[in-house]
Amino acid sequence: MANMLSKPLDLITSTSVSALHLGVYVGTLAVCSCLGVVYSVVLSLIGQHRLNFNYLTARSFHYLCLPLVGVKIEVEGRKYVDEVFAKAKRG
């Protein structure tokens, strides 16, 4: 009888944790999108390339959201990303 009662509680607990993670994700996404607008304005004024504010926005999301939600992201093909940034720096 105890097993039957614990299953609904597990479902409620996992659902509320999932809803909390979703709320944190969406909230952080909103904050980072606003930061992206600020980054684009500031970096455009000082003459930086547009890839720089895309990079800053993605890094902001990475450092703000992922530790709170508990997700680990690993980039595949990092050498291609590094090549793009090397070309952007050269001009």
N, C-alpha and C. Protein backbone atom coordinates (compact mmCIF):
# COMPACT_ATOMS: atom_id res chain seq x y z
N MET A 1 0.81 -1.20 0.00
CA MET A 1 0.00 0.00 0.00
C MET A 1 0.86 1.27 0.00
N ALA A 2 1.99 1.23 0.68
CA ALA A 2 2.86 2.40 0.73
C ALA A 2 3.44 2.72 -0.65
N ASN A 3 3.75 1.66 -1.44
CA ASN A 3 4.29 1.90 -2.79
C ASN A 3 3.28 2.60 -3.68
N MET A 4 2.01 2.25 -3.55
CA MET A 4 0.99 2.88 -4.38
C MET A 4 0.84 4.36 -4.04
N LEU A 5 1.03 4.71 -2.78
CA LEU A 5 0.90 6.11 -2.40
C LEU A 5 2.12 6.94 -2.77
N SER A 6 3.28 6.32 -2.83
CA SER A 6 4.49 7.09 -3.10
C SER A 6 4.62 7.45 -4.59
N LYS A 7 4.04 6.66 -5.48
CA LYS A 7 4.15 6.95 -6.91
C LYS A 7 3.50 8.27 -7.29
N PRO A 8 2.28 8.57 -6.85
CA PRO A 8 1.73 9.89 -7.19
C PRO A 8 2.56 11.03 -6.61
N LEU A 9 3.12 10.84 -5.42
CA LEU A 9 3.96 11.89 -4.84
C LEU A 9 5.23 12.09 -5.66
N ASP A 10 5.80 10.99 -6.16
CA ASP A 10 6.97 11.11 -7.03
C ASP A 10 6.62 11.88 -8.29
N LEU A 11 5.45 11.63 -8.83
CA LEU A 11 5.02 12.32 -10.05
C LEU A 11 4.84 13.81 -9.79
N ILE A 12 4.22 14.14 -8.66
CA ILE A 12 4.02 15.55 -8.32
C ILE A 12 5.36 16.24 -8.10
N THR A 13 6.27 15.58 -7.40
CA THR A 13 7.58 16.16 -7.14
C THR A 13 8.36 16.36 -8.43
N SER A 14 8.39 15.35 -9.30
CA SER A 14 9.14 15.48 -10.55
C SER A 14 8.50 16.51 -11.48
N THR A 15 7.18 16.63 -11.45
CA THR A 15 6.50 17.62 -12.28
C THR A 15 6.79 19.03 -11.79
N SER A 16 6.80 19.22 -10.48
CA SER A 16 7.06 20.56 -9.96
C SER A 16 8.51 20.96 -10.19
N VAL A 17 9.43 20.00 -10.11
CA VAL A 17 10.84 20.30 -10.40
C VAL A 17 10.99 20.64 -11.88
N SER A 18 10.30 19.90 -12.74
CA SER A 18 10.36 20.19 -14.18
C SER A 18 9.77 21.57 -14.47
N ALA A 19 8.69 21.92 -13.81
CA ALA A 19 8.08 23.23 -14.01
C ALA A 19 9.01 24.33 -13.50
N LEU A 20 9.69 24.08 -12.41
CA LEU A 20 10.65 25.05 -11.88
C LEU A 20 11.81 25.24 -12.85
N HIS A 21 12.33 24.14 -13.39
CA HIS A 21 13.42 24.23 -14.37
C HIS A 21 12.96 24.97 -15.62
N LEU A 22 11.76 24.71 -16.06
CA LEU A 22 11.22 25.40 -17.23
C LEU A 22 11.08 26.89 -16.95
N GLY A 23 10.60 27.24 -15.78
CA GLY A 23 10.48 28.64 -15.40
C GLY A 23 11.82 29.34 -15.34
N VAL A 24 12.82 28.67 -14.77
CA VAL A 24 14.18 29.23 -14.71
C VAL A 24 14.74 29.40 -16.12
N TYR A 25 14.51 28.39 -16.97
CA TYR A 25 15.00 28.43 -18.34
C TYR A 25 14.39 29.61 -19.10
N VAL A 26 13.08 29.74 -19.05
CA VAL A 26 12.39 30.81 -19.78
C VAL A 26 12.76 32.18 -19.22
N GLY A 27 12.85 32.28 -17.90
CA GLY A 27 13.23 33.55 -17.29
C GLY A 27 14.64 33.97 -17.67
N THR A 28 15.57 33.02 -17.63
CA THR A 28 16.94 33.31 -18.00
C THR A 28 17.04 33.64 -19.49
N LEU A 29 16.24 32.97 -20.30
CA LEU A 29 16.22 33.27 -21.73
C LEU A 29 15.75 34.70 -21.98
N ALA A 30 14.75 35.14 -21.23
CA ALA A 30 14.26 36.51 -21.37
C ALA A 30 15.33 37.52 -20.94
N VAL A 31 15.99 37.23 -19.82
CA VAL A 31 17.05 38.14 -19.35
C VAL A 31 18.18 38.21 -20.36
N CYS A 32 18.58 37.07 -20.89
CA CYS A 32 19.69 37.04 -21.84
C CYS A 32 19.32 37.68 -23.17
N SER A 33 18.07 37.60 -23.56
CA SER A 33 17.68 38.28 -24.80
C SER A 33 17.74 39.79 -24.61
N CYS A 34 17.37 40.27 -23.45
CA CYS A 34 17.51 41.71 -23.16
C CYS A 34 18.98 42.10 -23.11
N LEU A 35 19.81 41.25 -22.53
CA LEU A 35 21.25 41.50 -22.52
C LEU A 35 21.79 41.53 -23.94
N GLY A 36 21.28 40.67 -24.80
CA GLY A 36 21.71 40.65 -26.19
C GLY A 36 21.44 41.96 -26.90
N VAL A 37 20.31 42.58 -26.60
CA VAL A 37 19.99 43.88 -27.18
C VAL A 37 20.99 44.93 -26.68
N VAL A 38 21.27 44.89 -25.39
CA VAL A 38 22.23 45.84 -24.83
C VAL A 38 23.61 45.61 -25.44
N TYR A 39 24.03 44.35 -25.51
CA TYR A 39 25.32 44.03 -26.11
C TYR A 39 25.40 44.53 -27.55
N SER A 40 24.34 44.33 -28.32
CA SER A 40 24.39 44.73 -29.73
C SER A 40 24.51 46.24 -29.88
N VAL A 41 23.80 46.98 -29.04
CA VAL A 41 23.88 48.44 -29.13
C VAL A 41 25.28 48.92 -28.74
N VAL A 42 25.77 48.42 -27.62
CA VAL A 42 27.08 48.88 -27.13
C VAL A 42 28.19 48.48 -28.09
N LEU A 43 28.18 47.24 -28.53
CA LEU A 43 29.25 46.78 -29.42
C LEU A 43 29.16 47.42 -30.81
N SER A 44 27.95 47.75 -31.25
CA SER A 44 27.83 48.45 -32.54
C SER A 44 28.38 49.86 -32.44
N LEU A 45 28.20 50.48 -31.29
CA LEU A 45 28.72 51.83 -31.11
C LEU A 45 30.24 51.87 -31.10
N ILE A 46 30.86 50.79 -30.61
CA ILE A 46 32.33 50.78 -30.59
C ILE A 46 32.91 50.04 -31.79
N GLY A 47 32.05 49.63 -32.73
CA GLY A 47 32.52 49.08 -34.00
C GLY A 47 32.94 47.62 -33.98
N GLN A 48 32.35 46.82 -33.11
CA GLN A 48 32.69 45.40 -33.05
C GLN A 48 31.85 44.61 -34.04
N HIS A 49 32.34 43.42 -34.38
CA HIS A 49 31.66 42.52 -35.31
C HIS A 49 30.42 41.91 -34.65
N ARG A 50 29.40 41.59 -35.42
CA ARG A 50 28.16 41.07 -34.85
C ARG A 50 28.32 39.71 -34.18
N LEU A 51 29.33 38.93 -34.59
CA LEU A 51 29.54 37.64 -33.93
C LEU A 51 29.93 37.81 -32.47
N ASN A 52 30.50 38.94 -32.13
CA ASN A 52 30.89 39.17 -30.76
C ASN A 52 29.69 39.27 -29.83
N PHE A 53 28.62 39.96 -30.23
CA PHE A 53 27.49 40.03 -29.31
C PHE A 53 26.66 38.77 -29.32
N ASN A 54 26.67 38.02 -30.41
CA ASN A 54 26.04 36.70 -30.38
C ASN A 54 26.78 35.78 -29.40
N TYR A 55 28.10 35.86 -29.44
CA TYR A 55 28.92 35.06 -28.54
C TYR A 55 28.67 35.48 -27.09
N LEU A 56 28.63 36.78 -26.83
CA LEU A 56 28.40 37.25 -25.47
C LEU A 56 27.02 36.85 -24.94
N THR A 57 26.02 36.91 -25.80
CA THR A 57 24.68 36.52 -25.38
C THR A 57 24.63 35.03 -25.06
N ALA A 58 25.25 34.22 -25.89
CA ALA A 58 25.28 32.77 -25.63
C ALA A 58 26.05 32.45 -24.37
N ARG A 59 27.17 33.11 -24.15
CA ARG A 59 27.96 32.90 -22.93
C ARG A 59 27.18 33.33 -21.70
N SER A 60 26.45 34.42 -21.79
CA SER A 60 25.64 34.88 -20.67
C SER A 60 24.60 33.83 -20.31
N PHE A 61 23.94 33.30 -21.33
CA PHE A 61 22.94 32.26 -21.08
C PHE A 61 23.60 31.03 -20.46
N HIS A 62 24.74 30.67 -20.99
CA HIS A 62 25.46 29.50 -20.49
C HIS A 62 25.79 29.65 -19.01
N TYR A 63 26.34 30.78 -18.64
CA TYR A 63 26.78 30.97 -17.26
C TYR A 63 25.64 31.28 -16.30
N LEU A 64 24.53 31.81 -16.79
CA LEU A 64 23.40 32.11 -15.91
C LEU A 64 22.45 30.92 -15.74
N CYS A 65 22.09 30.29 -16.83
CA CYS A 65 21.02 29.29 -16.80
C CYS A 65 21.48 27.88 -16.49
N LEU A 66 22.52 27.45 -17.16
CA LEU A 66 22.88 26.05 -17.09
C LEU A 66 23.21 25.56 -15.68
N PRO A 67 23.91 26.30 -14.85
CA PRO A 67 24.12 25.82 -13.48
C PRO A 67 22.82 25.74 -12.67
N LEU A 68 21.89 26.65 -12.94
CA LEU A 68 20.62 26.64 -12.20
C LEU A 68 19.74 25.47 -12.60
N VAL A 69 19.76 25.13 -13.88
CA VAL A 69 18.92 24.05 -14.38
C VAL A 69 19.61 22.69 -14.25
N GLY A 70 20.94 22.69 -14.26
CA GLY A 70 21.68 21.45 -14.10
C GLY A 70 21.98 20.74 -15.41
N VAL A 71 22.18 21.51 -16.47
CA VAL A 71 22.46 20.95 -17.78
C VAL A 71 23.93 21.17 -18.11
N LYS A 72 24.55 20.19 -18.74
CA LYS A 72 25.92 20.33 -19.20
C LYS A 72 25.92 20.24 -20.72
N ILE A 73 26.56 21.22 -21.37
CA ILE A 73 26.60 21.25 -22.82
C ILE A 73 28.04 21.07 -23.27
N GLU A 74 28.21 20.20 -24.24
CA GLU A 74 29.53 19.98 -24.83
C GLU A 74 29.43 20.28 -26.32
N VAL A 75 30.32 21.13 -26.80
CA VAL A 75 30.29 21.56 -28.20
C VAL A 75 31.05 20.56 -29.05
N GLU A 76 30.39 20.06 -30.08
CA GLU A 76 31.07 19.20 -31.05
C GLU A 76 31.50 20.08 -32.21
N GLY A 77 32.67 19.81 -32.76
CA GLY A 77 33.16 20.58 -33.88
C GLY A 77 33.65 21.96 -33.48
N ARG A 78 34.24 22.04 -32.30
CA ARG A 78 34.70 23.33 -31.80
C ARG A 78 35.73 23.99 -32.73
N LYS A 79 36.48 23.16 -33.45
CA LYS A 79 37.50 23.74 -34.34
C LYS A 79 36.87 24.61 -35.42
N TYR A 80 35.65 24.28 -35.85
CA TYR A 80 34.98 25.09 -36.86
C TYR A 80 34.56 26.45 -36.28
N VAL A 81 34.13 26.43 -35.04
CA VAL A 81 33.76 27.68 -34.38
C VAL A 81 34.99 28.55 -34.21
N ASP A 82 36.10 27.94 -33.79
CA ASP A 82 37.34 28.69 -33.62
C ASP A 82 37.83 29.28 -34.94
N GLU A 83 37.64 28.55 -36.05
CA GLU A 83 38.03 29.07 -37.36
C GLU A 83 37.22 30.31 -37.73
N VAL A 84 35.93 30.31 -37.42
CA VAL A 84 35.08 31.46 -37.73
C VAL A 84 35.56 32.68 -36.95
N PHE A 85 35.86 32.47 -35.68
CA PHE A 85 36.32 33.60 -34.87
C PHE A 85 37.70 34.07 -35.32
N ALA A 86 38.55 33.18 -35.76
CA ALA A 86 39.86 33.58 -36.25
C ALA A 86 39.72 34.42 -37.52
N LYS A 87 38.79 34.03 -38.42
CA LYS A 87 38.53 34.81 -39.64
C LYS A 87 37.95 36.17 -39.29
N ALA A 88 37.09 36.21 -38.30
CA ALA A 88 36.47 37.48 -37.91
C ALA A 88 37.50 38.44 -37.31
N LYS A 89 38.45 37.91 -36.59
CA LYS A 89 39.47 38.76 -35.99
C LYS A 89 40.43 39.31 -37.06
N ARG A 90 40.68 38.51 -38.10
CA ARG A 90 41.57 38.98 -39.17
C ARG A 90 40.93 40.06 -40.01
N GLY A 91 39.62 40.07 -40.02
CA GLY A 91 38.99 41.15 -40.75
C GLY A 91 38.07 40.73 -41.79
